Protein backbone atom coordinates (compact mmCIF):
# COMPACT_ATOMS: atom_id res chain seq x y z
CA MET A 1 -6.34 -14.66 35.65
CA THR A 2 -9.96 -13.55 35.11
CA GLU A 3 -13.09 -15.67 34.93
CA LEU A 4 -12.96 -15.19 31.20
CA GLY A 5 -9.35 -16.35 31.02
CA LEU A 6 -10.28 -19.50 33.22
CA PHE A 7 -13.22 -20.07 30.76
CA PHE A 8 -10.84 -19.81 27.74
CA SER A 9 -8.52 -22.37 29.36
CA ARG A 10 -11.26 -24.90 30.31
CA LYS A 11 -12.67 -24.70 26.72
CA SER A 12 -9.21 -24.67 25.10
CA VAL A 13 -10.08 -21.43 23.25
CA ASN A 14 -7.55 -20.31 20.52
CA ARG A 15 -7.38 -16.49 21.07
CA SER A 16 -5.92 -15.86 17.53
CA ASP A 17 -9.15 -17.42 16.07
CA VAL A 18 -11.28 -15.33 18.36
CA SER A 19 -9.46 -12.23 17.37
CA ARG A 20 -9.67 -12.96 13.75
CA LYS A 21 -13.47 -13.75 13.93
CA THR A 22 -14.40 -10.91 16.22
CA GLY A 23 -12.00 -8.16 15.34
CA ILE A 24 -10.96 -7.79 18.99
CA SER A 25 -7.22 -7.50 19.11
CA LYS A 26 -5.14 -10.24 20.59
CA THR A 27 -3.81 -7.62 23.08
CA ARG A 28 -7.35 -6.77 24.31
CA LEU A 29 -8.18 -10.50 24.62
CA SER A 30 -5.11 -11.04 26.71
CA GLU A 31 -6.05 -8.12 28.94
CA LEU A 32 -9.51 -9.39 29.19
CA ALA A 33 -8.21 -12.80 30.14
CA ASN A 34 -5.50 -11.86 32.66
CA SER A 35 -6.22 -8.43 34.15
CA THR A 36 -9.00 -8.25 36.74
CA SER A 37 -9.00 -4.50 36.40
CA THR A 38 -9.90 -4.71 32.65
CA LYS A 39 -13.74 -4.48 32.09
CA LEU A 40 -15.48 -6.74 29.58
CA ARG A 41 -17.96 -4.93 27.53
CA ALA A 42 -21.24 -6.54 26.52
CA ASP A 43 -20.57 -6.37 22.93
CA GLU A 44 -17.25 -8.11 23.33
CA LEU A 45 -18.80 -10.86 25.33
CA TYR A 46 -21.46 -11.43 22.73
CA LEU A 47 -18.92 -11.59 19.87
CA ILE A 48 -16.65 -13.81 21.82
CA ALA A 49 -19.58 -16.20 22.56
CA LEU A 50 -20.51 -16.21 18.85
CA ALA A 51 -16.86 -16.97 17.85
CA ILE A 52 -16.49 -19.87 20.23
CA ASP A 53 -19.95 -21.28 19.48
CA VAL A 54 -21.14 -20.83 23.10
CA ASP A 55 -24.52 -19.50 24.25
CA PRO A 56 -23.83 -15.90 25.25
CA CYS A 57 -26.04 -16.47 28.47
CA GLU A 58 -23.75 -19.46 29.37
CA LEU A 59 -20.66 -17.22 29.05
CA LEU A 60 -22.12 -14.37 30.84
CA LYS A 61 -23.21 -16.66 33.81
CA ASP A 62 -19.73 -18.11 33.92
CA VAL A 63 -17.82 -14.82 33.72
CA CYS A 64 -20.14 -13.20 36.27
CA LYS A 65 -20.63 -16.01 38.69
CA GLY A 66 -18.96 -14.17 41.51
CA LEU A 67 -21.28 -11.18 41.48
CA LYS A 68 -23.89 -10.85 44.18
CA LEU A 69 -26.54 -8.29 45.04
CA VAL A 70 -26.02 -6.18 48.00
CA ASP A 71 -28.37 -7.01 50.93
């Protein structure tokens, strides 16, 4: 499961509602939530945040919390 998938679980996000509100297919949302090789686009992140009434910056920080700069 990806960080987005974990976020969905913690917040009890209904993916069908997100799909309906954003136009992102349920299949794509499932891939984003479960496959670490699937890349989340900025526009998708923004739309998902709007659909679940979360600050896009909060969602970005949560989804990208494992990223670090190279020394």
